Amino acid sequence: MIVVTTPTGQIGRQVLELLLDAPDGGPGAGIRVIVRDPARLPERVRAQVEVVQGSHADPAVLKEAREGVDRMFWLVPPSPAADSVEGHFRDFTEPLRAVVGDQGVRRVVGVSSLGRSVAVGAGQISASLAMDEAIADMGVHYRALCPPFLMENLLGQAESMREAGAFFLALDQDRVLRTCATGDIAATAARLLLDDSWTGQEDVPLVGPDDLSPE
């Protein structure tokens, strides 16, 4: 049984679709999702998965969702309104440690961040890496997917590029900006969730091949 968190989010939705379309172990009762609003799930998804309603920051929801589970896709959803990014990540990670640890979940695939070398006082990067350490301390097999800048974040530039020929980014114009797409993250997550051969705890950098700068 695989649990998928954030199944209506930008990345979780793609992970779920890939698992459902997988020919070897994805579809049917083998997938359970945690979702705040089940109505946001497409009809074909609701027909093929088990649904646990609520937030995966809620220990009671996690307790219900963990039963019979051996694999989990874990993503802390962004919250611009949170008082602190570190506290937001802890609000999700502590229930995971308390409820899921030692309860049959053997493999966790989580979405973290590239940048371990600059983790001190680095906002979401620091919070993500603290999450990785907390999950690793649970003793589960863990793969931390580490993307850099998401290509989809550049879509907000489309209008200014079209209307004014201008491109804005808080980066030196000649400095390489490493990128990947949310689809790259989802594809890697689905592959790992369907593979029961890997063990241990490792980072998985997800860096596209292009050496592109703002210029």
N, C-alpha and C. Protein backbone atom coordinates (compact mmCIF):
# COMPACT_ATOMS: atom_id res chain seq x y z
N MET A 1 0.84 -1.20 0.00
CA MET A 1 0.00 0.00 0.00
C MET A 1 0.88 1.25 0.00
N ILE A 2 0.54 2.19 -0.88
CA ILE A 2 1.26 3.46 -0.99
C ILE A 2 0.34 4.58 -0.54
N VAL A 3 0.85 5.47 0.32
CA VAL A 3 0.12 6.68 0.68
C VAL A 3 0.70 7.86 -0.09
N VAL A 4 -0.17 8.67 -0.68
CA VAL A 4 0.25 9.87 -1.40
C VAL A 4 -0.33 11.09 -0.68
N THR A 5 0.53 11.99 -0.25
CA THR A 5 0.08 13.26 0.31
C THR A 5 0.00 14.29 -0.80
N THR A 6 -0.69 15.38 -0.56
CA THR A 6 -0.91 16.48 -1.52
C THR A 6 -1.35 15.98 -2.90
N PRO A 7 -2.36 15.08 -2.98
CA PRO A 7 -2.73 14.50 -4.27
C PRO A 7 -3.42 15.46 -5.22
N THR A 8 -3.77 16.66 -4.75
CA THR A 8 -4.34 17.66 -5.66
C THR A 8 -3.36 18.79 -5.93
N GLY A 9 -2.14 18.69 -5.41
CA GLY A 9 -1.14 19.73 -5.60
C GLY A 9 -0.40 19.56 -6.92
N GLN A 10 0.45 20.51 -7.20
CA GLN A 10 1.15 20.54 -8.48
C GLN A 10 2.02 19.31 -8.70
N ILE A 11 2.69 18.85 -7.64
CA ILE A 11 3.56 17.68 -7.77
C ILE A 11 2.82 16.41 -7.39
N GLY A 12 2.11 16.42 -6.26
CA GLY A 12 1.41 15.22 -5.81
C GLY A 12 0.41 14.70 -6.82
N ARG A 13 -0.26 15.61 -7.52
CA ARG A 13 -1.24 15.19 -8.55
C ARG A 13 -0.55 14.38 -9.64
N GLN A 14 0.63 14.81 -10.05
CA GLN A 14 1.35 14.09 -11.10
C GLN A 14 1.88 12.75 -10.59
N VAL A 15 2.34 12.72 -9.34
CA VAL A 15 2.79 11.45 -8.76
C VAL A 15 1.64 10.45 -8.77
N LEU A 16 0.47 10.88 -8.33
CA LEU A 16 -0.68 9.99 -8.26
C LEU A 16 -1.07 9.48 -9.64
N GLU A 17 -1.08 10.35 -10.63
CA GLU A 17 -1.43 9.92 -11.99
C GLU A 17 -0.45 8.88 -12.52
N LEU A 18 0.83 9.07 -12.25
CA LEU A 18 1.83 8.11 -12.70
C LEU A 18 1.66 6.76 -12.01
N LEU A 19 1.35 6.78 -10.73
CA LEU A 19 1.13 5.52 -10.01
C LEU A 19 -0.10 4.80 -10.54
N LEU A 20 -1.16 5.53 -10.80
CA LEU A 20 -2.38 4.91 -11.30
C LEU A 20 -2.19 4.33 -12.69
N ASP A 21 -1.32 4.94 -13.48
CA ASP A 21 -1.09 4.47 -14.84
C ASP A 21 0.00 3.39 -14.91
N ALA A 22 0.65 3.12 -13.79
CA ALA A 22 1.74 2.14 -13.80
C ALA A 22 1.19 0.74 -14.04
N PRO A 23 1.85 -0.05 -14.89
CA PRO A 23 1.35 -1.40 -15.18
C PRO A 23 1.65 -2.42 -14.10
N ASP A 24 2.52 -2.05 -13.14
CA ASP A 24 2.99 -3.07 -12.19
C ASP A 24 2.86 -2.60 -10.75
N GLY A 25 1.65 -2.48 -10.28
CA GLY A 25 1.48 -2.26 -8.85
C GLY A 25 0.90 -0.94 -8.47
N GLY A 26 0.53 -0.10 -9.42
CA GLY A 26 -0.03 1.18 -9.04
C GLY A 26 -1.51 1.20 -8.77
N PRO A 27 -2.34 0.73 -9.71
CA PRO A 27 -3.78 0.96 -9.60
C PRO A 27 -4.44 0.19 -8.48
N GLY A 28 -5.70 0.58 -8.24
CA GLY A 28 -6.55 -0.17 -7.34
C GLY A 28 -6.36 0.17 -5.89
N ALA A 29 -6.65 -0.83 -5.03
CA ALA A 29 -6.64 -0.61 -3.59
C ALA A 29 -5.24 -0.42 -3.04
N GLY A 30 -4.21 -0.45 -3.90
CA GLY A 30 -2.85 -0.29 -3.43
C GLY A 30 -2.45 1.15 -3.19
N ILE A 31 -3.36 2.10 -3.44
CA ILE A 31 -3.03 3.51 -3.25
C ILE A 31 -4.05 4.15 -2.33
N ARG A 32 -3.54 4.91 -1.37
CA ARG A 32 -4.39 5.67 -0.46
C ARG A 32 -3.92 7.11 -0.49
N VAL A 33 -4.83 8.06 -0.46
CA VAL A 33 -4.46 9.47 -0.50
C VAL A 33 -4.98 10.18 0.75
N ILE A 34 -4.24 11.19 1.17
CA ILE A 34 -4.69 12.09 2.24
C ILE A 34 -5.01 13.42 1.57
N VAL A 35 -6.25 13.87 1.72
CA VAL A 35 -6.67 15.07 1.01
C VAL A 35 -7.69 15.84 1.86
N ARG A 36 -7.55 17.15 1.89
CA ARG A 36 -8.49 17.98 2.67
C ARG A 36 -9.89 17.96 2.06
N ASP A 37 -9.95 18.07 0.73
CA ASP A 37 -11.24 18.17 0.04
C ASP A 37 -11.30 17.09 -1.04
N PRO A 38 -11.90 15.94 -0.75
CA PRO A 38 -11.95 14.86 -1.75
C PRO A 38 -12.63 15.26 -3.04
N ALA A 39 -13.50 16.27 -3.01
CA ALA A 39 -14.20 16.70 -4.22
C ALA A 39 -13.24 17.25 -5.27
N ARG A 40 -12.04 17.64 -4.84
CA ARG A 40 -11.05 18.16 -5.80
C ARG A 40 -10.35 17.05 -6.56
N LEU A 41 -10.52 15.81 -6.15
CA LEU A 41 -9.94 14.69 -6.87
C LEU A 41 -10.78 14.39 -8.11
N PRO A 42 -10.15 14.14 -9.24
CA PRO A 42 -10.92 13.74 -10.43
C PRO A 42 -11.71 12.46 -10.16
N GLU A 43 -12.81 12.33 -10.85
CA GLU A 43 -13.69 11.18 -10.62
C GLU A 43 -12.97 9.86 -10.82
N ARG A 44 -12.13 9.78 -11.84
CA ARG A 44 -11.44 8.52 -12.11
C ARG A 44 -10.46 8.17 -10.99
N VAL A 45 -9.91 9.19 -10.33
CA VAL A 45 -9.02 8.96 -9.20
C VAL A 45 -9.81 8.45 -8.00
N ARG A 46 -10.92 9.11 -7.69
CA ARG A 46 -11.73 8.69 -6.54
C ARG A 46 -12.20 7.25 -6.68
N ALA A 47 -12.36 6.80 -7.92
CA ALA A 47 -12.84 5.43 -8.15
C ALA A 47 -11.74 4.39 -7.95
N GLN A 48 -10.48 4.82 -7.89
CA GLN A 48 -9.37 3.86 -7.86
C GLN A 48 -8.54 3.90 -6.59
N VAL A 49 -8.76 4.87 -5.72
CA VAL A 49 -7.92 4.99 -4.53
C VAL A 49 -8.78 5.00 -3.27
N GLU A 50 -8.13 4.72 -2.16
CA GLU A 50 -8.75 4.92 -0.85
C GLU A 50 -8.49 6.35 -0.42
N VAL A 51 -9.48 6.99 0.16
CA VAL A 51 -9.37 8.40 0.53
C VAL A 51 -9.46 8.55 2.04
N VAL A 52 -8.49 9.24 2.61
CA VAL A 52 -8.54 9.66 4.01
C VAL A 52 -8.64 11.17 4.00
N GLN A 53 -9.72 11.71 4.53
CA GLN A 53 -9.95 13.15 4.46
C GLN A 53 -9.28 13.86 5.63
N GLY A 54 -8.61 14.96 5.33
CA GLY A 54 -7.98 15.77 6.37
C GLY A 54 -6.60 16.22 5.95
N SER A 55 -5.87 16.76 6.91
CA SER A 55 -4.52 17.25 6.69
C SER A 55 -3.51 16.24 7.20
N HIS A 56 -2.39 16.08 6.47
CA HIS A 56 -1.37 15.15 6.97
C HIS A 56 -0.50 15.80 8.05
N ALA A 57 -0.89 16.96 8.54
CA ALA A 57 -0.31 17.51 9.77
C ALA A 57 -1.12 17.08 10.99
N ASP A 58 -2.23 16.40 10.78
CA ASP A 58 -3.12 15.97 11.86
C ASP A 58 -2.75 14.54 12.27
N PRO A 59 -2.31 14.31 13.51
CA PRO A 59 -1.92 12.96 13.93
C PRO A 59 -3.03 11.93 13.75
N ALA A 60 -4.28 12.31 13.99
CA ALA A 60 -5.39 11.37 13.84
C ALA A 60 -5.55 10.95 12.38
N VAL A 61 -5.37 11.88 11.47
CA VAL A 61 -5.46 11.56 10.04
C VAL A 61 -4.31 10.64 9.64
N LEU A 62 -3.11 10.95 10.09
CA LEU A 62 -1.97 10.10 9.77
C LEU A 62 -2.13 8.70 10.35
N LYS A 63 -2.67 8.61 11.55
CA LYS A 63 -2.88 7.30 12.17
C LYS A 63 -3.82 6.46 11.34
N GLU A 64 -4.89 7.07 10.83
CA GLU A 64 -5.82 6.34 9.98
C GLU A 64 -5.18 5.95 8.66
N ALA A 65 -4.40 6.86 8.10
CA ALA A 65 -3.83 6.62 6.77
C ALA A 65 -2.69 5.62 6.78
N ARG A 66 -2.03 5.43 7.89
CA ARG A 66 -0.82 4.60 7.91
C ARG A 66 -1.13 3.11 7.92
N GLU A 67 -2.36 2.70 8.27
CA GLU A 67 -2.68 1.30 8.44
C GLU A 67 -2.40 0.50 7.17
N GLY A 68 -1.55 -0.51 7.28
CA GLY A 68 -1.24 -1.38 6.15
C GLY A 68 -0.34 -0.76 5.10
N VAL A 69 0.27 0.37 5.42
CA VAL A 69 1.08 1.10 4.45
C VAL A 69 2.55 0.74 4.61
N ASP A 70 3.24 0.55 3.48
CA ASP A 70 4.69 0.33 3.55
C ASP A 70 5.49 1.37 2.77
N ARG A 71 4.80 2.22 1.98
CA ARG A 71 5.49 3.25 1.20
C ARG A 71 4.69 4.55 1.27
N MET A 72 5.40 5.66 1.28
CA MET A 72 4.71 6.95 1.42
C MET A 72 5.41 8.02 0.58
N PHE A 73 4.58 8.81 -0.12
CA PHE A 73 5.08 10.02 -0.77
C PHE A 73 4.76 11.18 0.16
N TRP A 74 5.80 11.94 0.54
CA TRP A 74 5.66 12.97 1.58
C TRP A 74 6.06 14.32 1.01
N LEU A 75 5.15 15.29 1.13
CA LEU A 75 5.45 16.65 0.69
C LEU A 75 4.75 17.62 1.64
N VAL A 76 5.52 18.56 2.18
CA VAL A 76 4.93 19.60 3.02
C VAL A 76 4.44 20.71 2.10
N PRO A 77 3.13 20.98 2.08
CA PRO A 77 2.60 22.00 1.16
C PRO A 77 3.04 23.39 1.57
N PRO A 78 3.26 24.27 0.59
CA PRO A 78 3.67 25.64 0.94
C PRO A 78 2.54 26.38 1.63
N SER A 79 2.92 27.32 2.50
CA SER A 79 1.94 28.15 3.19
C SER A 79 2.52 29.54 3.37
N PRO A 80 2.28 30.44 2.42
CA PRO A 80 2.81 31.80 2.53
C PRO A 80 2.35 32.53 3.78
N ALA A 81 1.23 32.10 4.36
CA ALA A 81 0.69 32.78 5.54
C ALA A 81 1.28 32.25 6.85
N ALA A 82 2.13 31.23 6.79
CA ALA A 82 2.70 30.66 8.01
C ALA A 82 3.57 31.68 8.74
N ASP A 83 3.57 31.63 10.08
CA ASP A 83 4.39 32.55 10.87
C ASP A 83 5.87 32.37 10.58
N SER A 84 6.29 31.12 10.37
CA SER A 84 7.68 30.85 10.01
C SER A 84 7.72 29.58 9.19
N VAL A 85 8.63 29.53 8.23
CA VAL A 85 8.72 28.33 7.39
C VAL A 85 9.22 27.15 8.21
N GLU A 86 10.12 27.42 9.17
CA GLU A 86 10.63 26.33 10.01
C GLU A 86 9.51 25.73 10.85
N GLY A 87 8.68 26.59 11.45
CA GLY A 87 7.57 26.10 12.25
C GLY A 87 6.55 25.35 11.40
N HIS A 88 6.31 25.82 10.18
CA HIS A 88 5.37 25.16 9.29
C HIS A 88 5.83 23.73 8.98
N PHE A 89 7.11 23.58 8.67
CA PHE A 89 7.63 22.24 8.40
C PHE A 89 7.56 21.35 9.64
N ARG A 90 7.86 21.90 10.81
CA ARG A 90 7.78 21.10 12.04
C ARG A 90 6.36 20.65 12.31
N ASP A 91 5.37 21.49 12.01
CA ASP A 91 3.98 21.14 12.25
C ASP A 91 3.57 19.89 11.48
N PHE A 92 4.20 19.65 10.35
CA PHE A 92 3.91 18.44 9.58
C PHE A 92 4.83 17.28 9.99
N THR A 93 6.11 17.58 10.21
CA THR A 93 7.08 16.51 10.42
C THR A 93 6.94 15.85 11.78
N GLU A 94 6.62 16.61 12.81
CA GLU A 94 6.51 16.01 14.14
C GLU A 94 5.39 14.97 14.23
N PRO A 95 4.19 15.24 13.69
CA PRO A 95 3.17 14.18 13.68
C PRO A 95 3.61 12.95 12.88
N LEU A 96 4.34 13.17 11.79
CA LEU A 96 4.84 12.03 11.02
C LEU A 96 5.75 11.17 11.88
N ARG A 97 6.67 11.80 12.58
CA ARG A 97 7.59 11.05 13.45
C ARG A 97 6.85 10.32 14.55
N ALA A 98 5.85 10.98 15.14
CA ALA A 98 5.16 10.40 16.29
C ALA A 98 4.23 9.26 15.89
N VAL A 99 3.61 9.37 14.73
CA VAL A 99 2.56 8.43 14.36
C VAL A 99 3.05 7.33 13.43
N VAL A 100 3.92 7.67 12.50
CA VAL A 100 4.30 6.72 11.45
C VAL A 100 5.54 5.92 11.82
N GLY A 101 6.46 6.50 12.57
CA GLY A 101 7.68 5.79 12.94
C GLY A 101 7.37 4.46 13.61
N ASP A 102 8.07 3.39 13.16
CA ASP A 102 7.91 2.05 13.73
C ASP A 102 6.51 1.48 13.51
N GLN A 103 5.79 1.97 12.52
CA GLN A 103 4.42 1.49 12.31
C GLN A 103 4.26 0.82 10.95
N GLY A 104 5.29 0.20 10.44
CA GLY A 104 5.16 -0.57 9.22
C GLY A 104 5.58 0.15 7.96
N VAL A 105 5.68 1.48 7.98
CA VAL A 105 6.12 2.22 6.80
C VAL A 105 7.62 2.01 6.64
N ARG A 106 8.01 1.40 5.55
CA ARG A 106 9.41 1.05 5.35
C ARG A 106 10.15 2.05 4.46
N ARG A 107 9.43 2.64 3.50
CA ARG A 107 10.08 3.56 2.57
C ARG A 107 9.30 4.86 2.47
N VAL A 108 10.03 5.97 2.55
CA VAL A 108 9.44 7.30 2.39
C VAL A 108 10.20 8.02 1.30
N VAL A 109 9.47 8.60 0.35
CA VAL A 109 10.04 9.45 -0.68
C VAL A 109 9.52 10.86 -0.41
N GLY A 110 10.42 11.78 -0.08
CA GLY A 110 10.01 13.13 0.30
C GLY A 110 10.57 14.17 -0.64
N VAL A 111 9.88 15.29 -0.73
CA VAL A 111 10.35 16.42 -1.55
C VAL A 111 11.08 17.40 -0.64
N SER A 112 12.36 17.58 -0.88
CA SER A 112 13.19 18.46 -0.08
C SER A 112 13.68 19.60 -0.96
N SER A 113 14.95 19.93 -0.86
CA SER A 113 15.50 21.06 -1.62
C SER A 113 16.98 20.86 -1.84
N LEU A 114 17.44 21.31 -2.98
CA LEU A 114 18.88 21.35 -3.23
C LEU A 114 19.48 22.49 -2.40
N GLY A 115 20.70 22.32 -1.94
CA GLY A 115 21.36 23.41 -1.24
C GLY A 115 21.84 23.09 0.14
N ARG A 116 22.21 21.83 0.39
CA ARG A 116 22.63 21.44 1.73
C ARG A 116 23.85 22.24 2.19
N SER A 117 24.66 22.69 1.25
CA SER A 117 25.87 23.42 1.64
C SER A 117 25.59 24.84 2.12
N VAL A 118 24.35 25.33 1.91
CA VAL A 118 24.00 26.69 2.35
C VAL A 118 22.80 26.63 3.29
N ALA A 119 22.74 25.60 4.11
CA ALA A 119 21.52 25.33 4.87
C ALA A 119 21.32 26.23 6.07
N VAL A 120 22.35 26.91 6.56
CA VAL A 120 22.22 27.71 7.77
C VAL A 120 21.49 29.02 7.46
N GLY A 121 20.35 29.22 8.10
CA GLY A 121 19.60 30.46 7.92
C GLY A 121 19.12 30.66 6.50
N ALA A 122 18.77 29.58 5.82
CA ALA A 122 18.41 29.67 4.40
C ALA A 122 16.93 29.40 4.16
N GLY A 123 16.09 29.79 5.11
CA GLY A 123 14.65 29.73 4.90
C GLY A 123 14.14 28.34 4.60
N GLN A 124 13.45 28.19 3.47
CA GLN A 124 12.84 26.92 3.14
C GLN A 124 13.87 25.82 2.94
N ILE A 125 15.06 26.17 2.44
CA ILE A 125 16.11 25.16 2.29
C ILE A 125 16.45 24.57 3.66
N SER A 126 16.67 25.43 4.65
CA SER A 126 17.00 24.95 6.00
C SER A 126 15.88 24.12 6.57
N ALA A 127 14.63 24.57 6.38
CA ALA A 127 13.49 23.84 6.91
C ALA A 127 13.34 22.47 6.25
N SER A 128 13.56 22.41 4.95
CA SER A 128 13.47 21.14 4.23
C SER A 128 14.52 20.16 4.71
N LEU A 129 15.73 20.64 4.90
CA LEU A 129 16.81 19.74 5.31
C LEU A 129 16.64 19.29 6.75
N ALA A 130 16.09 20.14 7.61
CA ALA A 130 15.75 19.70 8.97
C ALA A 130 14.69 18.60 8.93
N MET A 131 13.74 18.72 8.01
CA MET A 131 12.74 17.68 7.81
C MET A 131 13.41 16.37 7.40
N ASP A 132 14.36 16.44 6.48
CA ASP A 132 15.07 15.23 6.04
C ASP A 132 15.73 14.52 7.23
N GLU A 133 16.39 15.29 8.08
CA GLU A 133 17.07 14.69 9.22
C GLU A 133 16.08 14.04 10.17
N ALA A 134 14.93 14.69 10.38
CA ALA A 134 13.93 14.13 11.27
C ALA A 134 13.36 12.82 10.72
N ILE A 135 13.11 12.78 9.42
CA ILE A 135 12.60 11.55 8.82
C ILE A 135 13.65 10.45 8.85
N ALA A 136 14.89 10.79 8.56
CA ALA A 136 15.97 9.80 8.62
C ALA A 136 16.10 9.21 10.01
N ASP A 137 15.88 10.02 11.04
CA ASP A 137 15.98 9.54 12.42
C ASP A 137 14.88 8.52 12.74
N MET A 138 13.83 8.44 11.92
CA MET A 138 12.79 7.44 12.13
C MET A 138 13.28 6.03 11.82
N GLY A 139 14.39 5.94 11.10
CA GLY A 139 14.92 4.63 10.76
C GLY A 139 14.35 4.02 9.50
N VAL A 140 13.55 4.78 8.74
CA VAL A 140 12.97 4.27 7.51
C VAL A 140 13.98 4.42 6.37
N HIS A 141 13.77 3.65 5.31
CA HIS A 141 14.51 3.91 4.08
C HIS A 141 13.95 5.21 3.49
N TYR A 142 14.84 6.11 3.12
CA TYR A 142 14.39 7.46 2.74
C TYR A 142 15.15 7.97 1.54
N ARG A 143 14.40 8.54 0.62
CA ARG A 143 15.00 9.26 -0.50
C ARG A 143 14.47 10.69 -0.47
N ALA A 144 15.37 11.64 -0.31
CA ALA A 144 15.03 13.06 -0.30
C ALA A 144 15.25 13.61 -1.71
N LEU A 145 14.16 13.93 -2.41
CA LEU A 145 14.27 14.50 -3.74
C LEU A 145 14.64 15.98 -3.61
N CYS A 146 15.72 16.38 -4.28
CA CYS A 146 16.30 17.71 -4.07
C CYS A 146 16.30 18.51 -5.36
N PRO A 147 15.20 19.20 -5.64
CA PRO A 147 15.15 20.03 -6.84
C PRO A 147 15.75 21.40 -6.57
N PRO A 148 16.23 22.07 -7.63
CA PRO A 148 16.63 23.49 -7.52
C PRO A 148 15.42 24.36 -7.84
N PHE A 149 15.61 25.43 -8.57
CA PHE A 149 14.53 26.34 -8.97
C PHE A 149 13.57 25.60 -9.91
N LEU A 150 12.28 25.72 -9.68
CA LEU A 150 11.29 25.04 -10.52
C LEU A 150 11.00 25.84 -11.78
N MET A 151 11.05 25.18 -12.91
CA MET A 151 10.80 25.85 -14.19
C MET A 151 9.43 26.52 -14.20
N GLU A 152 8.43 25.87 -13.56
CA GLU A 152 7.08 26.44 -13.56
C GLU A 152 7.03 27.82 -12.89
N ASN A 153 7.98 28.10 -12.00
CA ASN A 153 7.99 29.41 -11.34
C ASN A 153 8.30 30.54 -12.33
N LEU A 154 8.86 30.20 -13.46
CA LEU A 154 9.17 31.21 -14.46
C LEU A 154 7.94 31.62 -15.27
N LEU A 155 6.85 30.87 -15.15
CA LEU A 155 5.66 31.20 -15.93
C LEU A 155 5.10 32.57 -15.55
N GLY A 156 5.36 33.00 -14.31
CA GLY A 156 4.89 34.31 -13.90
C GLY A 156 5.55 35.45 -14.66
N GLN A 157 6.64 35.13 -15.35
CA GLN A 157 7.36 36.15 -16.14
C GLN A 157 6.77 36.31 -17.53
N ALA A 158 5.86 35.43 -17.93
CA ALA A 158 5.42 35.41 -19.32
C ALA A 158 4.82 36.74 -19.75
N GLU A 159 3.99 37.34 -18.91
CA GLU A 159 3.32 38.58 -19.31
C GLU A 159 4.31 39.72 -19.49
N SER A 160 5.24 39.88 -18.52
CA SER A 160 6.20 40.98 -18.64
C SER A 160 7.13 40.77 -19.83
N MET A 161 7.45 39.52 -20.14
CA MET A 161 8.29 39.26 -21.31
C MET A 161 7.53 39.60 -22.59
N ARG A 162 6.24 39.24 -22.62
CA ARG A 162 5.44 39.48 -23.81
C ARG A 162 5.13 40.96 -24.01
N GLU A 163 4.76 41.63 -22.90
CA GLU A 163 4.30 43.01 -23.01
C GLU A 163 5.43 44.03 -23.00
N ALA A 164 6.50 43.74 -22.23
CA ALA A 164 7.54 44.76 -22.07
C ALA A 164 8.93 44.27 -22.46
N GLY A 165 9.04 43.02 -22.85
CA GLY A 165 10.35 42.48 -23.19
C GLY A 165 11.29 42.46 -21.99
N ALA A 166 10.71 42.35 -20.79
CA ALA A 166 11.52 42.41 -19.56
C ALA A 166 11.42 41.09 -18.80
N PHE A 167 12.53 40.74 -18.14
CA PHE A 167 12.64 39.51 -17.35
C PHE A 167 13.26 39.86 -16.01
N PHE A 168 12.62 39.49 -14.92
CA PHE A 168 13.08 39.89 -13.59
C PHE A 168 13.43 38.66 -12.76
N LEU A 169 14.61 38.68 -12.14
CA LEU A 169 15.02 37.57 -11.28
C LEU A 169 16.08 38.08 -10.31
N ALA A 170 15.98 37.66 -9.06
CA ALA A 170 16.94 38.10 -8.04
C ALA A 170 18.22 37.27 -8.14
N LEU A 171 18.95 37.47 -9.24
CA LEU A 171 20.16 36.70 -9.49
C LEU A 171 21.04 37.50 -10.46
N ASP A 172 22.35 37.41 -10.27
CA ASP A 172 23.25 38.06 -11.23
C ASP A 172 22.93 37.56 -12.63
N GLN A 173 22.98 38.49 -13.60
CA GLN A 173 22.50 38.15 -14.94
C GLN A 173 23.32 37.05 -15.62
N ASP A 174 24.59 36.89 -15.21
CA ASP A 174 25.41 35.87 -15.86
C ASP A 174 25.61 34.62 -15.00
N ARG A 175 24.88 34.53 -13.90
CA ARG A 175 25.04 33.37 -13.01
C ARG A 175 24.07 32.26 -13.42
N VAL A 176 24.57 31.03 -13.49
CA VAL A 176 23.74 29.90 -13.92
C VAL A 176 22.64 29.63 -12.89
N LEU A 177 21.44 29.46 -13.39
CA LEU A 177 20.29 29.13 -12.56
C LEU A 177 19.89 27.69 -12.86
N ARG A 178 20.14 26.79 -11.91
CA ARG A 178 19.79 25.39 -12.11
C ARG A 178 18.28 25.23 -11.97
N THR A 179 17.69 24.44 -12.84
CA THR A 179 16.24 24.27 -12.85
C THR A 179 15.87 22.80 -13.06
N CYS A 180 14.62 22.49 -12.70
CA CYS A 180 13.98 21.25 -13.14
C CYS A 180 12.49 21.53 -13.17
N ALA A 181 11.72 20.61 -13.71
CA ALA A 181 10.27 20.76 -13.80
C ALA A 181 9.59 19.91 -12.73
N THR A 182 8.37 20.30 -12.36
CA THR A 182 7.63 19.48 -11.39
C THR A 182 7.43 18.07 -11.91
N GLY A 183 7.32 17.93 -13.23
CA GLY A 183 7.18 16.60 -13.81
C GLY A 183 8.39 15.73 -13.57
N ASP A 184 9.59 16.34 -13.51
CA ASP A 184 10.80 15.58 -13.19
C ASP A 184 10.74 15.02 -11.77
N ILE A 185 10.25 15.85 -10.85
CA ILE A 185 10.13 15.42 -9.46
C ILE A 185 9.12 14.27 -9.35
N ALA A 186 7.97 14.44 -10.00
CA ALA A 186 6.92 13.43 -9.93
C ALA A 186 7.37 12.11 -10.53
N ALA A 187 8.04 12.15 -11.66
CA ALA A 187 8.49 10.93 -12.32
C ALA A 187 9.48 10.17 -11.45
N THR A 188 10.39 10.90 -10.81
CA THR A 188 11.37 10.25 -9.94
C THR A 188 10.69 9.66 -8.71
N ALA A 189 9.75 10.40 -8.14
CA ALA A 189 9.03 9.91 -6.96
C ALA A 189 8.27 8.64 -7.28
N ALA A 190 7.54 8.64 -8.39
CA ALA A 190 6.75 7.46 -8.76
C ALA A 190 7.65 6.25 -9.00
N ARG A 191 8.77 6.47 -9.67
CA ARG A 191 9.69 5.36 -9.92
C ARG A 191 10.18 4.74 -8.61
N LEU A 192 10.54 5.59 -7.66
CA LEU A 192 11.04 5.09 -6.38
C LEU A 192 9.93 4.40 -5.58
N LEU A 193 8.73 4.93 -5.62
CA LEU A 193 7.63 4.33 -4.88
C LEU A 193 7.26 2.95 -5.41
N LEU A 194 7.48 2.72 -6.68
CA LEU A 194 7.16 1.43 -7.28
C LEU A 194 8.32 0.45 -7.23
N ASP A 195 9.44 0.87 -6.67
CA ASP A 195 10.65 0.05 -6.61
C ASP A 195 10.91 -0.33 -5.15
N ASP A 196 10.84 -1.62 -4.84
CA ASP A 196 11.06 -2.05 -3.46
C ASP A 196 12.47 -2.59 -3.24
N SER A 197 13.40 -2.23 -4.12
CA SER A 197 14.75 -2.77 -3.99
C SER A 197 15.72 -1.83 -3.29
N TRP A 198 15.40 -0.54 -3.19
CA TRP A 198 16.37 0.40 -2.63
C TRP A 198 16.27 0.45 -1.10
N THR A 199 17.39 0.73 -0.50
CA THR A 199 17.46 0.81 0.96
C THR A 199 18.33 1.99 1.36
N GLY A 200 18.36 2.27 2.67
CA GLY A 200 19.20 3.34 3.18
C GLY A 200 18.58 4.70 2.99
N GLN A 201 19.39 5.71 3.19
CA GLN A 201 18.92 7.10 3.18
C GLN A 201 19.86 7.93 2.31
N GLU A 202 19.31 8.53 1.26
CA GLU A 202 20.13 9.28 0.32
C GLU A 202 19.38 10.48 -0.22
N ASP A 203 20.15 11.51 -0.62
CA ASP A 203 19.61 12.62 -1.39
C ASP A 203 19.56 12.23 -2.86
N VAL A 204 18.57 12.74 -3.57
CA VAL A 204 18.47 12.52 -5.01
C VAL A 204 18.39 13.89 -5.69
N PRO A 205 19.53 14.45 -6.11
CA PRO A 205 19.50 15.76 -6.79
C PRO A 205 18.74 15.65 -8.11
N LEU A 206 17.92 16.65 -8.39
CA LEU A 206 17.13 16.68 -9.63
C LEU A 206 17.46 17.96 -10.37
N VAL A 207 18.53 17.94 -11.12
CA VAL A 207 19.03 19.13 -11.81
C VAL A 207 18.97 18.91 -13.29
N GLY A 208 18.29 19.79 -13.99
CA GLY A 208 18.22 19.69 -15.45
C GLY A 208 19.57 19.92 -16.10
N PRO A 209 19.69 19.56 -17.38
CA PRO A 209 21.00 19.60 -18.06
C PRO A 209 21.40 20.98 -18.57
N ASP A 210 20.52 21.96 -18.50
CA ASP A 210 20.80 23.25 -19.13
C ASP A 210 21.59 24.18 -18.21
N ASP A 211 22.62 24.84 -18.78
CA ASP A 211 23.40 25.84 -18.04
C ASP A 211 22.89 27.22 -18.43
N LEU A 212 21.69 27.57 -17.96
CA LEU A 212 21.05 28.82 -18.35
C LEU A 212 21.21 29.87 -17.27
N SER A 213 21.46 31.09 -17.70
CA SER A 213 21.52 32.23 -16.79
C SER A 213 20.34 33.15 -17.09
N PRO A 214 20.03 34.13 -16.22
CA PRO A 214 18.98 35.10 -16.55
C PRO A 214 19.24 35.78 -17.89
N GLU A 215 20.50 36.04 -18.20
CA GLU A 215 20.81 36.68 -19.48
C GLU A 215 20.44 35.80 -20.65
